[in-house]
N, C-alpha and C. Protein backbone atom coordinates (compact mmCIF):
# COMPACT_ATOMS: atom_id res chain seq x y z
N UNK A 1 13.35 66.58 -12.65
CA UNK A 1 14.32 66.53 -13.71
C UNK A 1 15.52 67.43 -13.42
N UNK A 2 15.29 68.59 -12.92
CA UNK A 2 16.40 69.52 -12.68
C UNK A 2 16.85 69.45 -11.24
N UNK A 3 17.99 68.81 -11.00
CA UNK A 3 18.57 68.73 -9.67
C UNK A 3 19.01 70.09 -9.16
N UNK A 4 19.26 71.00 -10.07
CA UNK A 4 19.69 72.34 -9.71
C UNK A 4 18.67 72.99 -8.78
N UNK A 5 17.40 72.76 -9.03
CA UNK A 5 16.35 73.36 -8.23
C UNK A 5 16.48 72.96 -6.77
N UNK A 6 16.82 71.70 -6.50
CA UNK A 6 16.96 71.23 -5.13
C UNK A 6 18.04 71.99 -4.39
N UNK A 7 19.15 72.27 -5.06
CA UNK A 7 20.26 72.99 -4.43
C UNK A 7 19.94 74.46 -4.23
N UNK A 8 19.46 75.10 -5.26
CA UNK A 8 19.29 76.54 -5.23
C UNK A 8 18.00 77.02 -4.59
N UNK A 9 17.14 76.12 -4.19
CA UNK A 9 15.85 76.54 -3.61
C UNK A 9 16.05 77.45 -2.40
N UNK A 10 17.19 77.27 -1.69
CA UNK A 10 17.42 78.09 -0.50
C UNK A 10 18.33 79.29 -0.75
N UNK A 11 18.87 79.41 -1.95
CA UNK A 11 19.74 80.55 -2.24
C UNK A 11 18.94 81.80 -2.56
N UNK A 12 19.45 82.94 -2.13
CA UNK A 12 18.74 84.18 -2.43
C UNK A 12 18.90 84.57 -3.90
N UNK A 13 17.82 84.96 -4.49
CA UNK A 13 17.85 85.53 -5.83
C UNK A 13 17.71 87.03 -5.62
N UNK A 14 18.84 87.72 -5.64
CA UNK A 14 18.77 89.11 -5.24
C UNK A 14 19.38 90.08 -6.24
N UNK A 15 19.56 89.67 -7.45
CA UNK A 15 20.03 90.60 -8.47
C UNK A 15 18.88 90.84 -9.45
N UNK A 16 18.56 92.08 -9.66
CA UNK A 16 17.45 92.40 -10.54
C UNK A 16 17.97 92.95 -11.85
N UNK A 17 17.36 92.52 -12.94
CA UNK A 17 17.80 92.94 -14.26
C UNK A 17 17.30 94.33 -14.63
N UNK A 18 16.40 94.87 -13.84
CA UNK A 18 15.86 96.18 -14.13
C UNK A 18 14.46 96.07 -14.72
N UNK A 19 14.05 94.89 -15.08
CA UNK A 19 12.70 94.67 -15.63
C UNK A 19 11.88 93.84 -14.65
N UNK A 20 12.33 93.76 -13.41
CA UNK A 20 11.62 92.99 -12.41
C UNK A 20 12.01 91.53 -12.40
N UNK A 21 12.92 91.13 -13.27
CA UNK A 21 13.35 89.74 -13.31
C UNK A 21 14.46 89.54 -12.29
N UNK A 22 14.36 88.52 -11.51
CA UNK A 22 15.34 88.27 -10.47
C UNK A 22 16.28 87.18 -10.95
N UNK A 23 17.58 87.41 -10.77
CA UNK A 23 18.58 86.46 -11.23
C UNK A 23 19.55 86.10 -10.12
N UNK A 24 20.19 84.97 -10.27
CA UNK A 24 21.16 84.49 -9.29
C UNK A 24 22.48 85.23 -9.49
N UNK A 25 23.11 85.58 -8.40
CA UNK A 25 24.40 86.26 -8.48
C UNK A 25 25.48 85.30 -8.93
N UNK A 26 26.42 85.80 -9.67
CA UNK A 26 27.50 85.00 -10.22
C UNK A 26 28.33 84.33 -9.13
N UNK A 27 28.48 84.98 -7.99
CA UNK A 27 29.25 84.36 -6.90
C UNK A 27 28.60 83.07 -6.42
N UNK A 28 27.29 83.04 -6.37
CA UNK A 28 26.57 81.84 -5.95
C UNK A 28 26.68 80.75 -7.01
N UNK A 29 26.69 81.15 -8.27
CA UNK A 29 26.84 80.18 -9.37
C UNK A 29 28.23 79.56 -9.31
N UNK A 30 29.24 80.39 -9.10
CA UNK A 30 30.61 79.88 -8.99
C UNK A 30 30.78 78.95 -7.79
N UNK A 31 30.11 79.28 -6.70
CA UNK A 31 30.16 78.44 -5.50
C UNK A 31 29.60 77.05 -5.82
N UNK A 32 28.47 77.01 -6.49
CA UNK A 32 27.86 75.73 -6.85
C UNK A 32 28.76 74.95 -7.82
N UNK A 33 29.35 75.65 -8.77
CA UNK A 33 30.25 75.01 -9.73
C UNK A 33 31.43 74.37 -8.99
N UNK A 34 31.99 75.08 -8.05
CA UNK A 34 33.13 74.57 -7.29
C UNK A 34 32.74 73.30 -6.53
N UNK A 35 31.54 73.30 -5.96
CA UNK A 35 31.06 72.11 -5.24
C UNK A 35 30.94 70.90 -6.17
N UNK A 36 30.72 71.16 -7.45
CA UNK A 36 30.59 70.08 -8.43
C UNK A 36 31.93 69.75 -9.09
N UNK A 37 32.99 70.42 -8.66
CA UNK A 37 34.31 70.16 -9.21
C UNK A 37 34.59 70.88 -10.51
N UNK A 38 33.84 71.93 -10.79
CA UNK A 38 34.00 72.70 -12.01
C UNK A 38 34.82 73.95 -11.70
N UNK A 39 35.92 74.12 -12.41
CA UNK A 39 36.73 75.32 -12.25
C UNK A 39 36.20 76.36 -13.22
N UNK A 40 35.37 77.24 -12.74
CA UNK A 40 34.71 78.18 -13.63
C UNK A 40 35.17 79.61 -13.50
N UNK A 41 36.37 79.83 -13.01
CA UNK A 41 36.83 81.19 -12.78
C UNK A 41 36.99 82.00 -14.07
N UNK A 42 37.24 81.32 -15.19
CA UNK A 42 37.42 82.03 -16.45
C UNK A 42 36.26 81.82 -17.41
N UNK A 43 35.20 81.18 -16.95
CA UNK A 43 34.04 80.94 -17.80
C UNK A 43 33.07 82.10 -17.71
N UNK A 44 32.37 82.33 -18.80
CA UNK A 44 31.27 83.29 -18.79
C UNK A 44 30.10 82.65 -18.04
N UNK A 45 29.17 83.48 -17.59
CA UNK A 45 28.04 83.00 -16.81
C UNK A 45 27.28 81.90 -17.56
N UNK A 46 27.00 82.11 -18.83
CA UNK A 46 26.24 81.13 -19.62
C UNK A 46 26.96 79.78 -19.65
N UNK A 47 28.26 79.81 -19.90
CA UNK A 47 29.06 78.58 -19.96
C UNK A 47 29.11 77.88 -18.61
N UNK A 48 29.20 78.66 -17.56
CA UNK A 48 29.27 78.11 -16.22
C UNK A 48 27.97 77.40 -15.85
N UNK A 49 26.85 78.03 -16.14
CA UNK A 49 25.56 77.41 -15.84
C UNK A 49 25.36 76.15 -16.68
N UNK A 50 25.75 76.19 -17.94
CA UNK A 50 25.65 75.00 -18.78
C UNK A 50 26.52 73.87 -18.23
N UNK A 51 27.68 74.19 -17.71
CA UNK A 51 28.56 73.18 -17.10
C UNK A 51 27.91 72.58 -15.86
N UNK A 52 27.25 73.42 -15.07
CA UNK A 52 26.54 72.94 -13.88
C UNK A 52 25.40 72.02 -14.31
N UNK A 53 24.63 72.44 -15.31
CA UNK A 53 23.53 71.61 -15.79
C UNK A 53 24.04 70.24 -16.22
N UNK A 54 25.12 70.22 -16.98
CA UNK A 54 25.68 68.97 -17.47
C UNK A 54 26.19 68.10 -16.32
N UNK A 55 26.90 68.70 -15.36
CA UNK A 55 27.44 67.96 -14.22
C UNK A 55 26.33 67.34 -13.37
N UNK A 56 25.17 67.97 -13.36
CA UNK A 56 24.04 67.45 -12.60
C UNK A 56 23.21 66.44 -13.39
N UNK A 57 23.63 66.15 -14.61
CA UNK A 57 22.92 65.17 -15.42
C UNK A 57 21.77 65.74 -16.22
N UNK A 58 21.73 67.04 -16.36
CA UNK A 58 20.68 67.70 -17.12
C UNK A 58 21.22 68.16 -18.48
N UNK A 59 20.33 68.47 -19.38
CA UNK A 59 20.72 68.97 -20.69
C UNK A 59 21.29 70.38 -20.51
N UNK A 60 22.48 70.66 -21.02
CA UNK A 60 23.10 71.99 -20.87
C UNK A 60 22.50 72.99 -21.85
N UNK A 61 21.32 73.47 -21.54
CA UNK A 61 20.57 74.28 -22.50
C UNK A 61 20.47 75.77 -22.14
N UNK A 62 21.10 76.20 -21.07
CA UNK A 62 20.96 77.60 -20.63
C UNK A 62 21.25 78.57 -21.76
N UNK A 63 20.34 79.51 -21.97
CA UNK A 63 20.41 80.56 -22.99
C UNK A 63 20.39 80.02 -24.43
N UNK A 64 19.88 78.81 -24.62
CA UNK A 64 19.82 78.27 -25.98
C UNK A 64 18.40 78.27 -26.55
N UNK A 65 17.41 78.59 -25.73
CA UNK A 65 16.02 78.64 -26.20
C UNK A 65 15.81 79.85 -27.10
N UNK A 66 15.07 79.68 -28.14
CA UNK A 66 14.81 80.78 -29.07
C UNK A 66 13.80 81.77 -28.48
N UNK A 67 12.60 81.30 -28.19
CA UNK A 67 11.56 82.18 -27.65
C UNK A 67 10.87 81.59 -26.43
N UNK A 68 10.87 80.28 -26.33
CA UNK A 68 10.13 79.62 -25.27
C UNK A 68 10.92 78.42 -24.78
N UNK A 69 10.58 77.95 -23.60
CA UNK A 69 11.24 76.80 -23.00
C UNK A 69 10.19 75.92 -22.36
N UNK A 70 10.27 74.62 -22.59
CA UNK A 70 9.30 73.71 -22.02
C UNK A 70 9.72 73.18 -20.64
N UNK A 71 10.83 73.66 -20.12
CA UNK A 71 11.32 73.23 -18.81
C UNK A 71 10.82 74.16 -17.71
N UNK A 72 9.54 74.07 -17.42
CA UNK A 72 8.91 75.00 -16.48
C UNK A 72 9.43 74.87 -15.06
N UNK A 73 10.02 73.75 -14.69
CA UNK A 73 10.53 73.57 -13.34
C UNK A 73 12.01 73.88 -13.19
N UNK A 74 12.63 74.36 -14.23
CA UNK A 74 14.07 74.64 -14.18
C UNK A 74 14.36 75.87 -13.34
N UNK A 75 15.36 75.76 -12.49
CA UNK A 75 15.75 76.88 -11.64
C UNK A 75 16.25 78.07 -12.45
N UNK A 76 16.87 77.81 -13.57
CA UNK A 76 17.50 78.85 -14.38
C UNK A 76 16.54 79.52 -15.36
N UNK A 77 15.32 79.04 -15.46
CA UNK A 77 14.37 79.45 -16.49
C UNK A 77 14.21 80.97 -16.62
N UNK A 78 13.94 81.66 -15.55
CA UNK A 78 13.70 83.11 -15.60
C UNK A 78 14.91 83.86 -16.13
N UNK A 79 16.06 83.50 -15.61
CA UNK A 79 17.31 84.13 -16.05
C UNK A 79 17.62 83.74 -17.50
N UNK A 80 17.36 82.51 -17.84
CA UNK A 80 17.63 81.99 -19.18
C UNK A 80 16.83 82.73 -20.26
N UNK A 81 15.58 82.96 -19.99
CA UNK A 81 14.70 83.57 -20.99
C UNK A 81 14.74 85.09 -21.00
N UNK A 82 15.47 85.69 -20.05
CA UNK A 82 15.58 87.14 -20.03
C UNK A 82 16.39 87.58 -21.25
N UNK A 83 16.13 88.77 -21.74
CA UNK A 83 16.80 89.27 -22.94
C UNK A 83 18.18 89.81 -22.66
N UNK A 84 18.52 90.00 -21.39
CA UNK A 84 19.83 90.54 -21.02
C UNK A 84 20.95 89.58 -21.27
């Protein structure tokens, strides 16, 4: 379901939130957005990821889950559910 996973599977997740959660760096997110034709230089991270999700044909749900998410295979899941 999430095409994002296919692209990002080889990207390094090397930013830590301080609670052991690993997140994708914004530069890598912007790179992917550019490849999809999204001009995200003035977008916040949440908006940029939602734009990527939408461009890939997925529901733009990043950071919209209240407490839980049923999209266990989503690349953004860990970052999405973090409290930061």
